[in-house]
Amino acid sequence: MSGKPDVSDQYPAIDCSVARRRRPIKQCIFCGYVGKLSNEHVIAKWLRKTLQIRGDVHEYRGDEHVSKLEALAIILPEVCKDCNNGWTNRLEERVRPILEPVLLGTPRDRLYALDLPHQATLATWAVKTSLLLTLRKYRRDANGWIPKGNLKWLYEHRDSDLPPPGTRVWVWQPGCRGQAALICSGRMRQRSR
């Protein structure tokens, strides 16, 4: 021990380190993979091309201009490459031949009917897309939540073409009298109008 007095009791140590901002852990919203994620196009590029949607969309809150985006170019950077290029891409490929005639219309002399498997595929796609739109738009808002269990359920049942339990999707063609289909919790029922 040297002859110097101990000053640690009189002068407490001061932490002079610089606080580093930690980046949040990036995790896939579907499978939970932690690591580098990709950009999921919530509205697929093929759909924007099919509908010939171009130009910018300006978002306002009251009189305040909030953002400017390419029309329907909504990206969610929280999906891993395996989910983005795997099952979600396969779902888009399955729904495209179903959705294009519905959106673009069919000749008046031909009735376009969706059989039950096509209804299930369309409903699963609609639920996935609406959940991602809601997540992207309202994540930071107090009421902007979606049941995470639905995203996990979609992943776990990725090849089943059944929407998550508790969800309901109505499929109906405007101007058509007859049947409307209710797809809920993976069960399909026909209802007369």
C-alpha atoms as a PDB file:
ATOM      1  CA  MET A   1       0.000   0.000   0.000  1.00  0.00           C
ATOM      2  CA  SER A   2       1.380   3.352  -0.922  1.00  0.00           C
ATOM      3  CA  GLY A   3       1.221   6.386   1.268  1.00  0.00           C
ATOM      4  CA  LYS A   4      -1.506   7.976  -0.851  1.00  0.00           C
ATOM      5  CA  PRO A   5      -4.887   8.451   0.807  1.00  0.00           C
ATOM      6  CA  ASP A   6      -7.860   6.453  -0.602  1.00  0.00           C
ATOM      7  CA  VAL A   7     -10.189   9.001  -2.216  1.00  0.00           C
ATOM      8  CA  SER A   8     -12.696   6.511  -3.651  1.00  0.00           C
ATOM      9  CA  ASP A   9     -14.980   7.043  -0.703  1.00  0.00           C
ATOM     10  CA  GLN A  10     -14.923  10.802  -1.116  1.00  0.00           C
ATOM     11  CA  TYR A  11     -15.192  10.891  -4.911  1.00  0.00           C
ATOM     12  CA  PRO A  12     -17.331   8.144  -6.454  1.00  0.00           C
ATOM     13  CA  ALA A  13     -16.330   6.890  -9.895  1.00  0.00           C
ATOM     14  CA  ILE A  14     -18.015   8.513 -12.881  1.00  0.00           C
ATOM     15  CA  ASP A  15     -18.991   6.389 -15.862  1.00  0.00           C
ATOM     16  CA  CYS A  16     -17.677   8.224 -18.931  1.00  0.00           C
ATOM     17  CA  SER A  17     -18.522   5.551 -21.492  1.00  0.00           C
ATOM     18  CA  VAL A  18     -20.638   6.482 -24.455  1.00  0.00           C
ATOM     19  CA  ALA A  19     -24.061   4.879 -24.543  1.00  0.00           C
ATOM     20  CA  ARG A  20     -24.513   2.987 -27.775  1.00  0.00           C
ATOM     21  CA  ARG A  21     -27.910   2.682 -29.273  1.00  0.00           C
ATOM     22  CA  ARG A  22     -28.792  -0.934 -29.583  1.00  0.00           C
ATOM     23  CA  ARG A  23     -30.496  -1.994 -32.739  1.00  0.00           C
ATOM     24  CA  PRO A  24     -33.607  -3.976 -32.078  1.00  0.00           C
ATOM     25  CA  ILE A  25     -33.292  -7.675 -32.765  1.00  0.00           C
ATOM     26  CA  LYS A  26     -34.644  -8.351 -36.228  1.00  0.00           C
ATOM     27  CA  GLN A  27     -36.975 -11.308 -36.263  1.00  0.00           C
ATOM     28  CA  CYS A  28     -39.176 -12.731 -39.012  1.00  0.00           C
ATOM     29  CA  ILE A  29     -42.820 -12.029 -38.189  1.00  0.00           C
ATOM     30  CA  PHE A  30     -43.849 -15.453 -39.491  1.00  0.00           C
ATOM     31  CA  CYS A  31     -41.262 -18.067 -38.496  1.00  0.00           C
ATOM     32  CA  GLY A  32     -39.304 -16.182 -35.833  1.00  0.00           C
ATOM     33  CA  TYR A  33     -35.940 -16.457 -37.629  1.00  0.00           C
ATOM     34  CA  VAL A  34     -33.428 -14.017 -36.164  1.00  0.00           C
ATOM     35  CA  GLY A  35     -30.944 -12.497 -38.579  1.00  0.00           C
ATOM     36  CA  LYS A  36     -30.870 -10.644 -41.858  1.00  0.00           C
ATOM     37  CA  LEU A  37     -34.367 -10.096 -43.206  1.00  0.00           C
ATOM     38  CA  SER A  38     -35.701  -9.238 -46.648  1.00  0.00           C
ATOM     39  CA  ASN A  39     -38.298  -6.795 -47.938  1.00  0.00           C
ATOM     40  CA  GLU A  40     -41.735  -8.357 -48.309  1.00  0.00           C
ATOM     41  CA  HIS A  41     -43.897  -6.574 -50.887  1.00  0.00           C
ATOM     42  CA  VAL A  42     -47.255  -6.624 -49.125  1.00  0.00           C
ATOM     43  CA  ILE A  43     -49.007  -6.030 -52.460  1.00  0.00           C
ATOM     44  CA  ALA A  44     -47.103  -8.218 -54.908  1.00  0.00           C
ATOM     45  CA  LYS A  45     -45.485  -6.644 -57.959  1.00  0.00           C
ATOM     46  CA  TRP A  46     -47.503  -8.898 -60.286  1.00  0.00           C
ATOM     47  CA  LEU A  47     -50.740  -7.502 -58.835  1.00  0.00           C
ATOM     48  CA  ARG A  48     -49.665  -3.888 -59.333  1.00  0.00           C
ATOM     49  CA  LYS A  49     -48.738  -4.681 -62.946  1.00  0.00           C
ATOM     50  CA  THR A  50     -51.981  -6.581 -63.568  1.00  0.00           C
ATOM     51  CA  LEU A  51     -54.050  -3.659 -62.300  1.00  0.00           C
ATOM     52  CA  GLN A  52     -51.800  -1.176 -64.128  1.00  0.00           C
ATOM     53  CA  ILE A  53     -51.372   0.910 -61.003  1.00  0.00           C
ATOM     54  CA  ARG A  54     -48.729   3.585 -61.368  1.00  0.00           C
ATOM     55  CA  GLY A  55     -47.897   6.893 -59.794  1.00  0.00           C
ATOM     56  CA  ASP A  56     -47.493   8.177 -56.287  1.00  0.00           C
ATOM     57  CA  VAL A  57     -49.781   8.127 -53.307  1.00  0.00           C
ATOM     58  CA  HIS A  58     -49.623  11.039 -50.872  1.00  0.00           C
ATOM     59  CA  GLU A  59     -50.595  10.386 -47.284  1.00  0.00           C
ATOM     60  CA  TYR A  60     -51.961  13.175 -45.103  1.00  0.00           C
ATOM     61  CA  ARG A  61     -52.927  13.405 -41.464  1.00  0.00           C
ATOM     62  CA  GLY A  62     -55.189  16.386 -41.312  1.00  0.00           C
ATOM     63  CA  ASP A  63     -53.422  19.088 -43.327  1.00  0.00           C
ATOM     64  CA  GLU A  64     -49.966  17.654 -42.686  1.00  0.00           C
ATOM     65  CA  HIS A  65     -48.262  15.771 -45.534  1.00  0.00           C
ATOM     66  CA  VAL A  66     -46.864  12.600 -43.962  1.00  0.00           C
ATOM     67  CA  SER A  67     -45.380  10.609 -46.816  1.00  0.00           C
ATOM     68  CA  LYS A  68     -45.209   9.960 -50.526  1.00  0.00           C
ATOM     69  CA  LEU A  69     -45.020   6.397 -51.797  1.00  0.00           C
ATOM     70  CA  GLU A  70     -45.232   4.591 -55.083  1.00  0.00           C
ATOM     71  CA  ALA A  71     -48.810   3.362 -55.449  1.00  0.00           C
ATOM     72  CA  LEU A  72     -49.258   0.098 -53.554  1.00  0.00           C
ATOM     73  CA  ALA A  73     -45.483  -0.327 -53.173  1.00  0.00           C
ATOM     74  CA  ILE A  74     -45.859  -1.262 -49.541  1.00  0.00           C
ATOM     75  CA  ILE A  75     -42.820  -2.987 -48.111  1.00  0.00           C
ATOM     76  CA  LEU A  76     -42.518  -4.762 -44.786  1.00  0.00           C
ATOM     77  CA  PRO A  77     -38.843  -5.368 -43.922  1.00  0.00           C
ATOM     78  CA  GLU A  78     -39.554  -8.016 -41.301  1.00  0.00           C
ATOM     79  CA  VAL A  79     -39.779 -11.232 -43.277  1.00  0.00           C
ATOM     80  CA  CYS A  80     -36.897 -13.665 -43.705  1.00  0.00           C
ATOM     81  CA  LYS A  81     -35.753 -14.700 -47.167  1.00  0.00           C
ATOM     82  CA  ASP A  82     -37.032 -18.247 -46.701  1.00  0.00           C
ATOM     83  CA  CYS A  83     -40.573 -17.045 -45.935  1.00  0.00           C
ATOM     84  CA  ASN A  84     -40.491 -14.262 -48.545  1.00  0.00           C
ATOM     85  CA  ASN A  85     -39.144 -16.409 -51.381  1.00  0.00           C
ATOM     86  CA  GLY A  86     -40.753 -19.599 -50.116  1.00  0.00           C
ATOM     87  CA  TRP A  87     -44.275 -20.103 -48.851  1.00  0.00           C
ATOM     88  CA  THR A  88     -45.532 -16.504 -49.294  1.00  0.00           C
ATOM     89  CA  ASN A  89     -44.295 -16.572 -52.888  1.00  0.00           C
ATOM     90  CA  ARG A  90     -45.992 -19.947 -53.461  1.00  0.00           C
ATOM     91  CA  LEU A  91     -49.233 -18.495 -52.051  1.00  0.00           C
ATOM     92  CA  GLU A  92     -48.974 -15.582 -54.513  1.00  0.00           C
ATOM     93  CA  GLU A  93     -48.417 -18.056 -57.366  1.00  0.00           C
ATOM     94  CA  ARG A  94     -51.498 -20.068 -56.317  1.00  0.00           C
ATOM     95  CA  VAL A  95     -53.767 -17.027 -55.932  1.00  0.00           C
ATOM     96  CA  ARG A  96     -52.752 -15.254 -59.151  1.00  0.00           C
ATOM     97  CA  PRO A  97     -54.788 -17.391 -61.594  1.00  0.00           C
ATOM     98  CA  ILE A  98     -57.750 -17.089 -59.208  1.00  0.00           C
ATOM     99  CA  LEU A  99     -57.512 -13.378 -58.458  1.00  0.00           C
ATOM    100  CA  GLU A 100     -56.700 -11.989 -61.916  1.00  0.00           C
ATOM    101  CA  PRO A 101     -60.054 -12.994 -63.524  1.00  0.00           C
ATOM    102  CA  VAL A 102     -61.918 -11.780 -60.444  1.00  0.00           C
ATOM    103  CA  LEU A 103     -60.230  -8.366 -60.569  1.00  0.00           C
ATOM    104  CA  LEU A 104     -60.165  -7.933 -64.337  1.00  0.00           C
ATOM    105  CA  GLY A 105     -63.614  -9.355 -64.928  1.00  0.00           C
ATOM    106  CA  THR A 106     -64.772 -12.056 -67.264  1.00  0.00           C
ATOM    107  CA  PRO A 107     -66.768 -11.826 -70.468  1.00  0.00           C
ATOM    108  CA  ARG A 108     -70.468 -11.264 -69.743  1.00  0.00           C
ATOM    109  CA  ASP A 109     -71.379 -14.585 -71.325  1.00  0.00           C
ATOM    110  CA  ARG A 110     -69.154 -16.517 -68.954  1.00  0.00           C
ATOM    111  CA  LEU A 111     -69.832 -16.856 -65.240  1.00  0.00           C
ATOM    112  CA  TYR A 112     -66.688 -17.160 -63.178  1.00  0.00           C
ATOM    113  CA  ALA A 113     -67.290 -19.472 -60.233  1.00  0.00           C
ATOM    114  CA  LEU A 114     -64.842 -20.105 -57.439  1.00  0.00           C
ATOM    115  CA  ASP A 115     -64.834 -23.674 -56.217  1.00  0.00           C
ATOM    116  CA  LEU A 116     -64.167 -24.334 -52.525  1.00  0.00           C
ATOM    117  CA  PRO A 117     -60.385 -24.904 -52.878  1.00  0.00           C
ATOM    118  CA  HIS A 118     -60.052 -21.624 -54.820  1.00  0.00           C
ATOM    119  CA  GLN A 119     -62.125 -19.840 -52.186  1.00  0.00           C
ATOM    120  CA  ALA A 120     -59.802 -21.169 -49.480  1.00  0.00           C
ATOM    121  CA  THR A 121     -56.684 -20.013 -51.365  1.00  0.00           C
ATOM    122  CA  LEU A 122     -58.189 -16.569 -51.962  1.00  0.00           C
ATOM    123  CA  ALA A 123     -59.267 -16.262 -48.320  1.00  0.00           C
ATOM    124  CA  THR A 124     -55.823 -17.257 -47.023  1.00  0.00           C
ATOM    125  CA  TRP A 125     -54.168 -14.726 -49.323  1.00  0.00           C
ATOM    126  CA  ALA A 126     -56.660 -12.013 -48.298  1.00  0.00           C
ATOM    127  CA  VAL A 127     -56.063 -12.639 -44.589  1.00  0.00           C
ATOM    128  CA  LYS A 128     -52.261 -12.664 -45.005  1.00  0.00           C
ATOM    129  CA  THR A 129     -52.335  -9.473 -47.064  1.00  0.00           C
ATOM    130  CA  SER A 130     -54.722  -7.633 -44.738  1.00  0.00           C
ATOM    131  CA  LEU A 131     -52.683  -8.624 -41.669  1.00  0.00           C
ATOM    132  CA  LEU A 132     -49.479  -7.327 -43.279  1.00  0.00           C
ATOM    133  CA  LEU A 133     -51.155  -4.089 -44.378  1.00  0.00           C
ATOM    134  CA  THR A 134     -52.466  -3.545 -40.862  1.00  0.00           C
ATOM    135  CA  LEU A 135     -49.091  -4.339 -39.331  1.00  0.00           C
ATOM    136  CA  ARG A 136     -47.273  -1.983 -41.687  1.00  0.00           C
ATOM    137  CA  LYS A 137     -49.709   0.888 -41.263  1.00  0.00           C
ATOM    138  CA  TYR A 138     -50.599   0.820 -37.575  1.00  0.00           C
ATOM    139  CA  ARG A 139     -47.651  -0.766 -35.771  1.00  0.00           C
ATOM    140  CA  ARG A 140     -46.693   2.402 -33.906  1.00  0.00           C
ATOM    141  CA  ASP A 141     -50.250   3.440 -33.071  1.00  0.00           C
ATOM    142  CA  ALA A 142     -51.721   2.584 -29.687  1.00  0.00           C
ATOM    143  CA  ASN A 143     -54.398   0.368 -31.228  1.00  0.00           C
ATOM    144  CA  GLY A 144     -52.261  -0.829 -34.120  1.00  0.00           C
ATOM    145  CA  TRP A 145     -51.881  -4.460 -33.330  1.00  0.00           C
ATOM    146  CA  ILE A 146     -52.688  -7.719 -34.968  1.00  0.00           C
ATOM    147  CA  PRO A 147     -52.786 -11.110 -33.296  1.00  0.00           C
ATOM    148  CA  LYS A 148     -49.250 -12.475 -33.690  1.00  0.00           C
ATOM    149  CA  GLY A 149     -50.727 -15.918 -33.365  1.00  0.00           C
ATOM    150  CA  ASN A 150     -52.354 -15.421 -36.784  1.00  0.00           C
ATOM    151  CA  LEU A 151     -48.993 -14.782 -38.447  1.00  0.00           C
ATOM    152  CA  LYS A 152     -47.485 -17.825 -36.761  1.00  0.00           C
ATOM    153  CA  TRP A 153     -50.535 -19.911 -37.714  1.00  0.00           C
ATOM    154  CA  LEU A 154     -50.163 -18.891 -41.373  1.00  0.00           C
ATOM    155  CA  TYR A 155     -46.541 -20.027 -41.271  1.00  0.00           C
ATOM    156  CA  GLU A 156     -47.283 -23.304 -39.503  1.00  0.00           C
ATOM    157  CA  HIS A 157     -50.098 -24.073 -41.994  1.00  0.00           C
ATOM    158  CA  ARG A 158     -48.361 -22.481 -44.983  1.00  0.00           C
ATOM    159  CA  ASP A 159     -49.397 -25.113 -47.513  1.00  0.00           C
ATOM    160  CA  SER A 160     -52.925 -25.736 -46.256  1.00  0.00           C
ATOM    161  CA  ASP A 161     -54.702 -22.744 -47.849  1.00  0.00           C
ATOM    162  CA  LEU A 162     -56.818 -22.267 -44.762  1.00  0.00           C
ATOM    163  CA  PRO A 163     -57.143 -18.911 -43.010  1.00  0.00           C
ATOM    164  CA  PRO A 164     -56.361 -18.758 -39.271  1.00  0.00           C
ATOM    165  CA  PRO A 165     -59.025 -19.771 -36.736  1.00  0.00           C
ATOM    166  CA  GLY A 166     -61.421 -16.956 -35.921  1.00  0.00           C
ATOM    167  CA  THR A 167     -60.988 -15.146 -39.238  1.00  0.00           C
ATOM    168  CA  ARG A 168     -63.866 -14.586 -41.636  1.00  0.00           C
ATOM    169  CA  VAL A 169     -63.650 -13.720 -45.299  1.00  0.00           C
ATOM    170  CA  TRP A 170     -66.683 -13.079 -47.470  1.00  0.00           C
ATOM    171  CA  VAL A 171     -66.334 -13.792 -51.176  1.00  0.00           C
ATOM    172  CA  TRP A 172     -68.992 -12.355 -53.446  1.00  0.00           C
ATOM    173  CA  GLN A 173     -69.196 -10.965 -56.960  1.00  0.00           C
ATOM    174  CA  PRO A 174     -70.944  -7.592 -57.317  1.00  0.00           C
ATOM    175  CA  GLY A 175     -74.008  -7.690 -59.543  1.00  0.00           C
ATOM    176  CA  CYS A 176     -74.353 -11.435 -59.198  1.00  0.00           C
ATOM    177  CA  ARG A 177     -77.436 -12.891 -57.560  1.00  0.00           C
ATOM    178  CA  GLY A 178     -77.135 -16.206 -55.859  1.00  0.00           C
ATOM    179  CA  GLN A 179     -74.423 -17.509 -53.624  1.00  0.00           C
ATOM    180  CA  ALA A 180     -71.947 -15.739 -51.401  1.00  0.00           C
ATOM    181  CA  ALA A 181     -69.336 -17.799 -49.653  1.00  0.00           C
ATOM    182  CA  LEU A 182     -68.325 -17.323 -46.060  1.00  0.00           C
ATOM    183  CA  ILE A 183     -64.917 -18.703 -45.257  1.00  0.00           C
ATOM    184  CA  CYS A 184     -64.303 -18.755 -41.550  1.00  0.00           C
ATOM    185  CA  SER A 185     -61.859 -20.632 -39.382  1.00  0.00           C
ATOM    186  CA  GLY A 186     -60.948 -22.885 -42.247  1.00  0.00           C
ATOM    187  CA  ARG A 187     -64.529 -24.055 -42.909  1.00  0.00           C
ATOM    188  CA  MET A 188     -66.372 -22.957 -46.009  1.00  0.00           C
ATOM    189  CA  ARG A 189     -70.120 -22.535 -46.207  1.00  0.00           C
ATOM    190  CA  GLN A 190     -72.321 -21.379 -49.046  1.00  0.00           C
ATOM    191  CA  ARG A 191     -75.004 -18.838 -48.216  1.00  0.00           C
ATOM    192  CA  SER A 192     -77.869 -17.801 -50.426  1.00  0.00           C
ATOM    193  CA  ARG A 193     -78.513 -14.133 -50.885  1.00  0.00           C
END
